[in-house]
Amino acid sequence: MNYFTIKVEAEEIHVEKKSKFIAYTFPIKSENIFKEALADLKEIHPKANHHCWAYIFGDNSEIEKCSDDGEPSGAAGLPILGQLKSKELTYSACIVVRYFGGIKLGKGGMIKAYKEAARQSIECTEIIEREVCIEYMVKVKYAHVNRIMQLVKRNNIVINFQDISETSIFRIEVPLNIVEYVDSVLESFVIEFSKLN
């Protein structure tokens, strides 16, 4: 099972009747990571009038949220969310920062502007297809670190974290289709392992 997500962050500026819309599109793994990114952008743009956003995450795009941040209801968050959904993205977010230019756009104009800013930003990033994976925490004796490395190399497993010492700790992402195989291999030599999602 695969899904589409954003590989790297993109930033694009869209101007509509002197209002400046700065759109940031980026990958996320959790709601907490998104909240940190939003807080960072509020620090970078403290004088902006609005910080509107949308995100989707989950292997089946099951979690989605959006915010108008003071704009008329449905004028900002939903158009941004619509652009993420149009590309069938998950584990992805878009924040559009608005600086008011002095000319009112009306609700229709705002919908158009937020949609266009999000679209441009998404178009400028790289969209990748990824396999659904299960994240594991693995503890292993130092003498068996090599066996973990061989398992990783042979099976397209990604290491998210490693701390190599007398008792080494790894966080790895295992593709869904080989979970049973990896379980049986790990049971033969590790101290402990657990699935994190």
N, C-alpha and C. Protein backbone atom coordinates (compact mmCIF):
# COMPACT_ATOMS: atom_id res chain seq x y z
N MET A 1 0.84 -1.19 0.00
CA MET A 1 0.00 0.00 0.00
C MET A 1 0.88 1.25 0.00
N ASN A 2 0.59 2.18 -0.91
CA ASN A 2 1.41 3.38 -1.05
C ASN A 2 0.57 4.64 -0.83
N TYR A 3 1.28 5.76 -0.62
CA TYR A 3 0.61 7.05 -0.50
C TYR A 3 1.51 8.14 -1.09
N PHE A 4 0.93 9.31 -1.33
CA PHE A 4 1.69 10.44 -1.88
C PHE A 4 1.90 11.48 -0.79
N THR A 5 3.11 12.03 -0.75
CA THR A 5 3.42 13.08 0.21
C THR A 5 4.44 14.04 -0.39
N ILE A 6 4.77 15.06 0.38
CA ILE A 6 5.71 16.09 -0.07
C ILE A 6 7.11 15.71 0.42
N LYS A 7 8.09 15.85 -0.46
CA LYS A 7 9.46 15.49 -0.09
C LYS A 7 10.14 16.62 0.68
N VAL A 8 10.07 17.84 0.16
CA VAL A 8 10.75 18.98 0.80
C VAL A 8 9.83 20.19 0.84
N GLU A 9 10.14 21.12 1.72
CA GLU A 9 9.34 22.33 1.87
C GLU A 9 9.45 23.23 0.64
N ALA A 10 8.35 23.90 0.33
CA ALA A 10 8.35 24.90 -0.75
C ALA A 10 7.69 26.17 -0.23
N GLU A 11 8.14 27.29 -0.75
CA GLU A 11 7.58 28.60 -0.37
C GLU A 11 7.30 29.39 -1.64
N GLU A 12 6.09 29.93 -1.74
CA GLU A 12 5.72 30.74 -2.91
C GLU A 12 4.93 31.96 -2.46
N ILE A 13 5.09 33.06 -3.21
CA ILE A 13 4.37 34.30 -2.90
C ILE A 13 3.35 34.58 -4.00
N HIS A 14 2.13 34.87 -3.59
CA HIS A 14 1.06 35.25 -4.53
C HIS A 14 0.53 36.61 -4.09
N VAL A 15 0.41 37.54 -5.03
CA VAL A 15 -0.11 38.88 -4.71
C VAL A 15 -1.47 39.06 -5.38
N GLU A 16 -2.44 39.52 -4.59
CA GLU A 16 -3.80 39.75 -5.09
C GLU A 16 -4.27 41.10 -4.56
N LYS A 17 -4.43 42.08 -5.47
CA LYS A 17 -4.87 43.43 -5.10
C LYS A 17 -4.09 43.98 -3.90
N LYS A 18 -2.78 43.92 -4.02
CA LYS A 18 -1.83 44.44 -3.03
C LYS A 18 -1.71 43.61 -1.75
N SER A 19 -2.59 42.63 -1.54
CA SER A 19 -2.42 41.71 -0.41
C SER A 19 -1.39 40.66 -0.80
N LYS A 20 -0.49 40.37 0.13
CA LYS A 20 0.56 39.37 -0.14
C LYS A 20 0.23 38.09 0.60
N PHE A 21 0.21 36.98 -0.15
CA PHE A 21 -0.07 35.66 0.40
C PHE A 21 1.20 34.81 0.25
N ILE A 22 1.82 34.45 1.37
CA ILE A 22 3.05 33.64 1.33
C ILE A 22 2.67 32.23 1.75
N ALA A 23 2.79 31.29 0.84
CA ALA A 23 2.37 29.91 1.09
C ALA A 23 3.57 29.00 1.33
N TYR A 24 3.50 28.26 2.42
CA TYR A 24 4.54 27.29 2.78
C TYR A 24 3.90 25.89 2.75
N THR A 25 4.45 25.01 1.95
CA THR A 25 3.98 23.63 1.89
C THR A 25 5.12 22.74 2.35
N PHE A 26 4.80 21.77 3.23
CA PHE A 26 5.88 20.97 3.81
C PHE A 26 5.35 19.62 4.31
N PRO A 27 6.26 18.64 4.44
CA PRO A 27 5.85 17.33 4.97
C PRO A 27 5.69 17.38 6.49
N ILE A 28 4.77 16.60 7.04
CA ILE A 28 4.62 16.48 8.50
C ILE A 28 4.43 15.01 8.85
N LYS A 29 4.81 14.64 10.06
CA LYS A 29 4.60 13.28 10.54
C LYS A 29 3.56 13.23 11.65
N SER A 30 3.29 14.40 12.27
CA SER A 30 2.34 14.41 13.38
C SER A 30 1.77 15.81 13.57
N GLU A 31 0.72 15.90 14.38
CA GLU A 31 0.10 17.18 14.70
C GLU A 31 1.07 18.07 15.46
N ASN A 32 1.89 17.47 16.33
CA ASN A 32 2.86 18.26 17.10
C ASN A 32 3.90 18.92 16.20
N ILE A 33 4.36 18.19 15.19
CA ILE A 33 5.33 18.77 14.25
C ILE A 33 4.69 19.94 13.51
N PHE A 34 3.41 19.79 13.13
CA PHE A 34 2.71 20.88 12.47
C PHE A 34 2.62 22.10 13.38
N LYS A 35 2.24 21.89 14.65
CA LYS A 35 2.09 23.00 15.59
C LYS A 35 3.40 23.76 15.78
N GLU A 36 4.51 23.04 15.80
CA GLU A 36 5.83 23.68 15.90
C GLU A 36 6.11 24.54 14.67
N ALA A 37 5.79 24.02 13.48
CA ALA A 37 6.01 24.77 12.24
C ALA A 37 5.15 26.03 12.21
N LEU A 38 3.90 25.92 12.65
CA LEU A 38 3.00 27.08 12.70
C LEU A 38 3.53 28.13 13.66
N ALA A 39 3.98 27.70 14.84
CA ALA A 39 4.55 28.63 15.83
C ALA A 39 5.78 29.34 15.26
N ASP A 40 6.63 28.58 14.55
CA ASP A 40 7.83 29.18 13.93
C ASP A 40 7.44 30.26 12.91
N LEU A 41 6.43 29.97 12.09
CA LEU A 41 6.02 30.95 11.07
C LEU A 41 5.38 32.18 11.70
N LYS A 42 4.70 32.00 12.82
CA LYS A 42 4.13 33.16 13.52
C LYS A 42 5.24 34.06 14.08
N GLU A 43 6.37 33.43 14.46
CA GLU A 43 7.53 34.22 14.91
C GLU A 43 8.20 34.93 13.75
N ILE A 44 8.28 34.26 12.61
CA ILE A 44 8.91 34.85 11.42
C ILE A 44 8.05 35.98 10.86
N HIS A 45 6.72 35.84 10.94
CA HIS A 45 5.77 36.82 10.39
C HIS A 45 4.85 37.37 11.49
N PRO A 46 5.41 38.05 12.50
CA PRO A 46 4.56 38.52 13.61
C PRO A 46 3.58 39.61 13.20
N LYS A 47 3.85 40.32 12.12
CA LYS A 47 2.97 41.43 11.70
C LYS A 47 1.96 41.03 10.64
N ALA A 48 1.96 39.75 10.27
CA ALA A 48 0.98 39.28 9.28
C ALA A 48 -0.42 39.35 9.88
N ASN A 49 -1.41 39.57 9.03
CA ASN A 49 -2.80 39.67 9.50
C ASN A 49 -3.41 38.30 9.80
N HIS A 50 -3.01 37.29 9.01
CA HIS A 50 -3.59 35.95 9.18
C HIS A 50 -2.54 34.88 8.88
N HIS A 51 -2.67 33.76 9.60
CA HIS A 51 -1.85 32.57 9.34
C HIS A 51 -2.85 31.42 9.14
N CYS A 52 -3.31 31.24 7.93
CA CYS A 52 -4.34 30.23 7.63
C CYS A 52 -3.66 28.94 7.18
N TRP A 53 -4.32 27.81 7.44
CA TRP A 53 -3.62 26.55 7.19
C TRP A 53 -4.56 25.37 6.99
N ALA A 54 -3.93 24.29 6.52
CA ALA A 54 -4.60 23.00 6.40
C ALA A 54 -3.54 21.91 6.43
N TYR A 55 -3.92 20.75 6.96
CA TYR A 55 -3.02 19.60 6.90
C TYR A 55 -3.81 18.31 6.78
N ILE A 56 -3.11 17.29 6.28
CA ILE A 56 -3.66 15.94 6.17
C ILE A 56 -2.57 14.98 6.60
N PHE A 57 -2.91 14.04 7.48
CA PHE A 57 -1.95 12.95 7.71
C PHE A 57 -2.68 11.66 8.05
N GLY A 58 -1.90 10.58 8.10
CA GLY A 58 -2.44 9.24 8.23
C GLY A 58 -2.22 8.47 6.95
N ASP A 59 -1.98 7.17 7.06
CA ASP A 59 -1.72 6.34 5.87
C ASP A 59 -2.87 6.37 4.88
N ASN A 60 -4.09 6.57 5.39
CA ASN A 60 -5.28 6.64 4.52
C ASN A 60 -5.86 8.06 4.49
N SER A 61 -5.03 9.05 4.77
CA SER A 61 -5.46 10.46 4.80
C SER A 61 -6.64 10.66 5.75
N GLU A 62 -6.66 9.89 6.85
CA GLU A 62 -7.83 9.90 7.73
C GLU A 62 -7.93 11.12 8.64
N ILE A 63 -6.83 11.87 8.81
CA ILE A 63 -6.87 13.05 9.69
C ILE A 63 -6.64 14.29 8.84
N GLU A 64 -7.64 15.17 8.86
CA GLU A 64 -7.48 16.45 8.14
C GLU A 64 -8.10 17.57 8.95
N LYS A 65 -7.39 18.70 8.97
CA LYS A 65 -7.88 19.88 9.69
C LYS A 65 -7.50 21.12 8.91
N CYS A 66 -8.26 22.20 9.16
CA CYS A 66 -7.92 23.47 8.53
C CYS A 66 -8.40 24.63 9.41
N SER A 67 -7.84 25.82 9.16
CA SER A 67 -8.19 27.00 9.95
C SER A 67 -8.23 28.24 9.07
N ASP A 68 -9.27 29.08 9.30
CA ASP A 68 -9.38 30.36 8.60
C ASP A 68 -8.66 31.48 9.35
N ASP A 69 -8.27 31.24 10.59
CA ASP A 69 -7.54 32.21 11.42
C ASP A 69 -8.11 33.63 11.32
N GLY A 70 -9.41 33.76 11.49
CA GLY A 70 -10.03 35.08 11.51
C GLY A 70 -10.58 35.56 10.19
N GLU A 71 -10.25 34.89 9.10
CA GLU A 71 -10.86 35.23 7.81
C GLU A 71 -12.31 34.71 7.83
N PRO A 72 -13.18 35.19 6.93
CA PRO A 72 -14.56 34.67 6.90
C PRO A 72 -14.58 33.15 6.79
N SER A 73 -15.53 32.53 7.46
CA SER A 73 -15.61 31.06 7.52
C SER A 73 -15.60 30.44 6.12
N GLY A 74 -14.67 29.51 5.91
CA GLY A 74 -14.58 28.80 4.64
C GLY A 74 -13.80 29.52 3.56
N ALA A 75 -13.27 30.72 3.87
CA ALA A 75 -12.60 31.52 2.84
C ALA A 75 -11.12 31.20 2.68
N ALA A 76 -10.52 30.50 3.67
CA ALA A 76 -9.08 30.28 3.60
C ALA A 76 -8.69 28.81 3.83
N GLY A 77 -9.05 28.27 4.99
CA GLY A 77 -8.63 26.91 5.33
C GLY A 77 -9.13 25.86 4.35
N LEU A 78 -10.42 25.93 4.00
CA LEU A 78 -10.98 24.93 3.07
C LEU A 78 -10.36 24.99 1.68
N PRO A 79 -10.14 26.20 1.10
CA PRO A 79 -9.46 26.22 -0.21
C PRO A 79 -8.04 25.66 -0.15
N ILE A 80 -7.34 25.89 0.96
CA ILE A 80 -5.98 25.34 1.12
C ILE A 80 -6.06 23.81 1.21
N LEU A 81 -6.99 23.32 2.04
CA LEU A 81 -7.19 21.88 2.19
C LEU A 81 -7.55 21.24 0.85
N GLY A 82 -8.38 21.92 0.09
CA GLY A 82 -8.80 21.42 -1.22
C GLY A 82 -7.63 21.21 -2.15
N GLN A 83 -6.63 22.07 -2.07
CA GLN A 83 -5.45 21.91 -2.93
C GLN A 83 -4.61 20.71 -2.52
N LEU A 84 -4.48 20.47 -1.21
CA LEU A 84 -3.77 19.27 -0.74
C LEU A 84 -4.50 18.01 -1.22
N LYS A 85 -5.84 18.04 -1.09
CA LYS A 85 -6.64 16.87 -1.48
C LYS A 85 -6.61 16.64 -2.98
N SER A 86 -6.52 17.72 -3.75
CA SER A 86 -6.53 17.58 -5.22
C SER A 86 -5.31 16.80 -5.72
N LYS A 87 -4.23 16.80 -4.94
CA LYS A 87 -3.02 16.04 -5.29
C LYS A 87 -2.95 14.72 -4.53
N GLU A 88 -4.04 14.40 -3.81
CA GLU A 88 -4.12 13.15 -3.03
C GLU A 88 -2.96 13.02 -2.04
N LEU A 89 -2.62 14.13 -1.38
CA LEU A 89 -1.48 14.15 -0.46
C LEU A 89 -1.90 13.73 0.95
N THR A 90 -0.96 13.13 1.66
CA THR A 90 -1.09 12.92 3.09
C THR A 90 0.26 13.22 3.73
N TYR A 91 0.29 13.26 5.06
CA TYR A 91 1.50 13.67 5.78
C TYR A 91 2.03 14.99 5.19
N SER A 92 1.11 15.90 4.90
CA SER A 92 1.45 17.16 4.23
C SER A 92 0.66 18.31 4.83
N ALA A 93 1.26 19.50 4.80
CA ALA A 93 0.60 20.69 5.34
C ALA A 93 0.90 21.89 4.47
N CYS A 94 0.01 22.87 4.55
CA CYS A 94 0.23 24.15 3.85
C CYS A 94 -0.26 25.27 4.77
N ILE A 95 0.61 26.23 5.01
CA ILE A 95 0.27 27.42 5.79
C ILE A 95 0.40 28.62 4.86
N VAL A 96 -0.65 29.45 4.80
CA VAL A 96 -0.60 30.66 3.97
C VAL A 96 -0.68 31.87 4.89
N VAL A 97 0.37 32.67 4.84
CA VAL A 97 0.49 33.88 5.66
C VAL A 97 0.02 35.06 4.81
N ARG A 98 -0.92 35.85 5.35
CA ARG A 98 -1.46 36.98 4.58
C ARG A 98 -1.09 38.32 5.22
N TYR A 99 -0.58 39.20 4.36
CA TYR A 99 -0.38 40.61 4.72
C TYR A 99 -1.42 41.41 3.94
N PHE A 100 -2.33 42.06 4.66
CA PHE A 100 -3.41 42.81 4.02
C PHE A 100 -2.86 44.03 3.29
N GLY A 101 -3.29 44.21 2.04
CA GLY A 101 -2.76 45.30 1.21
C GLY A 101 -3.63 46.54 1.16
N GLY A 102 -4.73 46.54 1.91
CA GLY A 102 -5.57 47.75 1.97
C GLY A 102 -6.80 47.70 1.08
N ILE A 103 -6.88 46.72 0.20
CA ILE A 103 -8.05 46.60 -0.68
C ILE A 103 -8.80 45.32 -0.30
N LYS A 104 -10.07 45.44 0.04
CA LYS A 104 -10.86 44.28 0.42
C LYS A 104 -11.11 43.39 -0.80
N LEU A 105 -10.97 42.09 -0.58
CA LEU A 105 -11.13 41.13 -1.69
C LEU A 105 -12.53 40.54 -1.76
N GLY A 106 -13.28 40.62 -0.66
CA GLY A 106 -14.55 39.91 -0.61
C GLY A 106 -14.28 38.42 -0.42
N LYS A 107 -15.31 37.70 0.03
CA LYS A 107 -15.11 36.28 0.33
C LYS A 107 -14.67 35.49 -0.91
N GLY A 108 -15.31 35.76 -2.05
CA GLY A 108 -14.95 35.07 -3.29
C GLY A 108 -13.50 35.33 -3.69
N GLY A 109 -13.08 36.55 -3.54
CA GLY A 109 -11.69 36.93 -3.87
C GLY A 109 -10.69 36.27 -2.94
N MET A 110 -11.07 36.16 -1.66
CA MET A 110 -10.19 35.50 -0.69
C MET A 110 -10.05 34.02 -0.99
N ILE A 111 -11.17 33.37 -1.29
CA ILE A 111 -11.13 31.94 -1.64
C ILE A 111 -10.18 31.72 -2.81
N LYS A 112 -10.32 32.55 -3.82
CA LYS A 112 -9.48 32.45 -5.02
C LYS A 112 -8.00 32.65 -4.68
N ALA A 113 -7.72 33.67 -3.85
CA ALA A 113 -6.33 34.01 -3.52
C ALA A 113 -5.67 32.92 -2.67
N TYR A 114 -6.37 32.43 -1.66
CA TYR A 114 -5.78 31.37 -0.82
C TYR A 114 -5.59 30.08 -1.61
N LYS A 115 -6.56 29.77 -2.45
CA LYS A 115 -6.46 28.58 -3.30
C LYS A 115 -5.25 28.68 -4.23
N GLU A 116 -5.09 29.85 -4.85
CA GLU A 116 -3.99 30.04 -5.80
C GLU A 116 -2.64 30.01 -5.10
N ALA A 117 -2.53 30.63 -3.93
CA ALA A 117 -1.26 30.63 -3.19
C ALA A 117 -0.87 29.20 -2.83
N ALA A 118 -1.84 28.43 -2.31
CA ALA A 118 -1.57 27.03 -1.95
C ALA A 118 -1.19 26.22 -3.19
N ARG A 119 -1.93 26.40 -4.28
CA ARG A 119 -1.66 25.65 -5.51
C ARG A 119 -0.23 25.90 -6.01
N GLN A 120 0.17 27.18 -6.03
CA GLN A 120 1.52 27.52 -6.51
C GLN A 120 2.59 26.87 -5.65
N SER A 121 2.40 26.90 -4.34
CA SER A 121 3.38 26.32 -3.43
C SER A 121 3.48 24.80 -3.62
N ILE A 122 2.33 24.15 -3.74
CA ILE A 122 2.32 22.69 -3.94
C ILE A 122 2.96 22.33 -5.28
N GLU A 123 2.69 23.14 -6.31
CA GLU A 123 3.27 22.89 -7.64
C GLU A 123 4.80 23.00 -7.62
N CYS A 124 5.34 23.79 -6.68
CA CYS A 124 6.78 24.02 -6.65
C CYS A 124 7.55 23.01 -5.80
N THR A 125 6.82 22.14 -5.10
CA THR A 125 7.52 21.14 -4.30
C THR A 125 7.58 19.82 -5.06
N GLU A 126 8.32 18.88 -4.51
CA GLU A 126 8.41 17.56 -5.14
C GLU A 126 7.47 16.61 -4.41
N ILE A 127 6.58 15.98 -5.15
CA ILE A 127 5.65 15.01 -4.59
C ILE A 127 6.22 13.61 -4.83
N ILE A 128 6.25 12.82 -3.76
CA ILE A 128 6.83 11.47 -3.87
C ILE A 128 5.80 10.43 -3.44
N GLU A 129 5.99 9.23 -3.93
CA GLU A 129 5.15 8.10 -3.54
C GLU A 129 5.93 7.26 -2.54
N ARG A 130 5.31 6.97 -1.40
CA ARG A 130 5.98 6.19 -0.36
C ARG A 130 5.14 4.98 0.03
N GLU A 131 5.84 3.97 0.51
CA GLU A 131 5.16 2.77 1.01
C GLU A 131 4.67 3.02 2.42
N VAL A 132 3.52 2.47 2.76
CA VAL A 132 3.05 2.51 4.15
C VAL A 132 4.01 1.65 4.97
N CYS A 133 4.48 2.21 6.08
CA CYS A 133 5.44 1.51 6.93
C CYS A 133 4.98 1.48 8.39
N ILE A 134 5.53 0.55 9.13
CA ILE A 134 5.34 0.48 10.58
C ILE A 134 6.67 0.87 11.22
N GLU A 135 6.62 1.78 12.19
CA GLU A 135 7.85 2.17 12.87
C GLU A 135 8.09 1.26 14.08
N TYR A 136 9.32 0.80 14.21
CA TYR A 136 9.72 -0.09 15.30
C TYR A 136 10.76 0.60 16.18
N MET A 137 10.73 0.29 17.46
CA MET A 137 11.84 0.59 18.37
C MET A 137 12.51 -0.75 18.67
N VAL A 138 13.82 -0.83 18.43
CA VAL A 138 14.54 -2.09 18.59
C VAL A 138 15.74 -1.89 19.52
N LYS A 139 15.87 -2.78 20.53
CA LYS A 139 17.05 -2.79 21.40
C LYS A 139 17.84 -4.06 21.10
N VAL A 140 19.13 -3.89 20.92
CA VAL A 140 19.96 -5.03 20.53
C VAL A 140 21.34 -4.92 21.18
N LYS A 141 21.95 -6.07 21.49
CA LYS A 141 23.31 -6.06 22.02
C LYS A 141 24.27 -5.56 20.93
N TYR A 142 25.33 -4.90 21.37
CA TYR A 142 26.30 -4.35 20.41
C TYR A 142 26.80 -5.43 19.44
N ALA A 143 26.96 -6.64 19.93
CA ALA A 143 27.47 -7.74 19.10
C ALA A 143 26.55 -8.06 17.92
N HIS A 144 25.27 -7.63 18.01
CA HIS A 144 24.31 -7.94 16.95
C HIS A 144 23.94 -6.73 16.08
N VAL A 145 24.63 -5.63 16.26
CA VAL A 145 24.36 -4.42 15.46
C VAL A 145 24.49 -4.73 13.97
N ASN A 146 25.49 -5.53 13.63
CA ASN A 146 25.73 -5.87 12.23
C ASN A 146 24.52 -6.59 11.61
N ARG A 147 23.84 -7.42 12.40
CA ARG A 147 22.67 -8.14 11.89
C ARG A 147 21.52 -7.18 11.58
N ILE A 148 21.37 -6.16 12.43
CA ILE A 148 20.35 -5.13 12.15
C ILE A 148 20.69 -4.42 10.85
N MET A 149 21.96 -4.05 10.69
CA MET A 149 22.39 -3.33 9.48
C MET A 149 22.15 -4.17 8.22
N GLN A 150 22.39 -5.45 8.30
CA GLN A 150 22.15 -6.34 7.16
C GLN A 150 20.66 -6.41 6.84
N LEU A 151 19.84 -6.53 7.88
CA LEU A 151 18.38 -6.57 7.70
C LEU A 151 17.88 -5.31 7.01
N VAL A 152 18.39 -4.17 7.47
CA VAL A 152 18.00 -2.87 6.91
C VAL A 152 18.39 -2.77 5.43
N LYS A 153 19.65 -3.13 5.15
CA LYS A 153 20.18 -3.00 3.79
C LYS A 153 19.45 -3.90 2.79
N ARG A 154 19.11 -5.11 3.20
CA ARG A 154 18.51 -6.09 2.28
C ARG A 154 17.02 -5.87 2.04
N ASN A 155 16.35 -5.10 2.91
CA ASN A 155 14.89 -5.05 2.87
C ASN A 155 14.28 -3.66 2.73
N ASN A 156 15.06 -2.70 2.25
CA ASN A 156 14.51 -1.36 2.01
C ASN A 156 13.91 -0.76 3.28
N ILE A 157 14.59 -0.95 4.40
CA ILE A 157 14.15 -0.43 5.70
C ILE A 157 14.91 0.87 5.97
N VAL A 158 14.18 1.85 6.48
CA VAL A 158 14.78 3.16 6.77
C VAL A 158 15.09 3.26 8.26
N ILE A 159 16.28 3.75 8.60
CA ILE A 159 16.64 4.00 10.00
C ILE A 159 16.32 5.46 10.32
N ASN A 160 15.42 5.69 11.29
CA ASN A 160 15.07 7.05 11.71
C ASN A 160 15.96 7.54 12.84
N PHE A 161 16.47 6.60 13.63
CA PHE A 161 17.31 6.96 14.79
C PHE A 161 18.17 5.77 15.13
N GLN A 162 19.41 6.05 15.55
CA GLN A 162 20.25 4.98 16.06
C GLN A 162 21.17 5.51 17.15
N ASP A 163 21.34 4.70 18.19
CA ASP A 163 22.26 5.01 19.29
C ASP A 163 23.03 3.73 19.53
N ILE A 164 24.26 3.69 19.03
CA ILE A 164 25.04 2.46 19.10
C ILE A 164 25.93 2.50 20.34
N SER A 165 25.68 1.55 21.23
CA SER A 165 26.45 1.42 22.46
C SER A 165 26.35 -0.05 22.89
N GLU A 166 26.66 -0.34 24.17
CA GLU A 166 26.61 -1.73 24.63
C GLU A 166 25.22 -2.33 24.39
N THR A 167 24.17 -1.55 24.73
CA THR A 167 22.81 -1.91 24.32
C THR A 167 22.38 -0.85 23.31
N SER A 168 22.35 -1.20 22.04
CA SER A 168 22.07 -0.24 20.98
C SER A 168 20.56 -0.12 20.74
N ILE A 169 20.14 1.09 20.39
CA ILE A 169 18.72 1.36 20.14
C ILE A 169 18.56 1.87 18.72
N PHE A 170 17.58 1.32 18.02
CA PHE A 170 17.26 1.75 16.66
C PHE A 170 15.77 2.06 16.56
N ARG A 171 15.44 3.08 15.76
CA ARG A 171 14.05 3.27 15.32
C ARG A 171 14.06 3.08 13.81
N ILE A 172 13.29 2.11 13.34
CA ILE A 172 13.31 1.77 11.91
C ILE A 172 11.90 1.78 11.34
N GLU A 173 11.80 2.05 10.04
CA GLU A 173 10.51 2.02 9.34
C GLU A 173 10.48 0.80 8.43
N VAL A 174 9.55 -0.09 8.72
CA VAL A 174 9.46 -1.36 8.00
C VAL A 174 8.25 -1.34 7.06
N PRO A 175 8.45 -1.57 5.76
CA PRO A 175 7.31 -1.63 4.84
C PRO A 175 6.28 -2.67 5.30
N LEU A 176 5.02 -2.32 5.16
CA LEU A 176 3.90 -3.14 5.66
C LEU A 176 3.94 -4.57 5.14
N ASN A 177 4.37 -4.74 3.90
CA ASN A 177 4.32 -6.09 3.30
C ASN A 177 5.38 -7.05 3.83
N ILE A 178 6.35 -6.57 4.63
CA ILE A 178 7.37 -7.49 5.18
C ILE A 178 7.38 -7.50 6.71
N VAL A 179 6.34 -6.96 7.32
CA VAL A 179 6.28 -6.88 8.78
C VAL A 179 6.40 -8.26 9.44
N GLU A 180 5.66 -9.25 8.95
CA GLU A 180 5.71 -10.58 9.56
C GLU A 180 7.11 -11.19 9.46
N TYR A 181 7.74 -11.02 8.31
CA TYR A 181 9.10 -11.53 8.12
C TYR A 181 10.07 -10.85 9.09
N VAL A 182 10.00 -9.52 9.20
CA VAL A 182 10.90 -8.77 10.08
C VAL A 182 10.67 -9.18 11.54
N ASP A 183 9.40 -9.36 11.93
CA ASP A 183 9.10 -9.82 13.30
C ASP A 183 9.84 -11.12 13.60
N SER A 184 9.77 -12.07 12.68
CA SER A 184 10.40 -13.38 12.92
C SER A 184 11.92 -13.27 12.99
N VAL A 185 12.51 -12.41 12.17
CA VAL A 185 13.97 -12.22 12.20
C VAL A 185 14.38 -11.55 13.51
N LEU A 186 13.68 -10.49 13.90
CA LEU A 186 14.04 -9.77 15.13
C LEU A 186 13.91 -10.67 16.37
N GLU A 187 12.88 -11.49 16.40
CA GLU A 187 12.66 -12.39 17.55
C GLU A 187 13.85 -13.32 17.78
N SER A 188 14.62 -13.58 16.74
CA SER A 188 15.72 -14.54 16.85
C SER A 188 16.99 -13.98 17.52
N PHE A 189 17.10 -12.62 17.64
CA PHE A 189 18.36 -12.12 18.21
C PHE A 189 18.28 -10.81 19.01
N VAL A 190 17.18 -10.07 18.95
CA VAL A 190 17.19 -8.77 19.66
C VAL A 190 16.80 -8.95 21.13
N ILE A 191 17.13 -7.95 21.94
CA ILE A 191 16.74 -7.94 23.34
C ILE A 191 15.25 -7.66 23.47
N GLU A 192 14.82 -6.67 22.67
CA GLU A 192 13.41 -6.22 22.77
C GLU A 192 13.06 -5.44 21.51
N PHE A 193 11.82 -5.53 21.05
CA PHE A 193 11.35 -4.65 20.00
C PHE A 193 9.87 -4.38 20.18
N SER A 194 9.43 -3.20 19.71
CA SER A 194 8.01 -2.86 19.81
C SER A 194 7.62 -2.00 18.62
N LYS A 195 6.35 -2.07 18.25
CA LYS A 195 5.83 -1.27 17.14
C LYS A 195 5.29 0.03 17.70
N LEU A 196 5.65 1.13 17.08
CA LEU A 196 5.28 2.45 17.60
C LEU A 196 4.01 2.99 16.96
N ASN A 197 3.55 2.42 15.85
CA ASN A 197 2.29 2.90 15.22
C ASN A 197 1.51 1.75 14.63
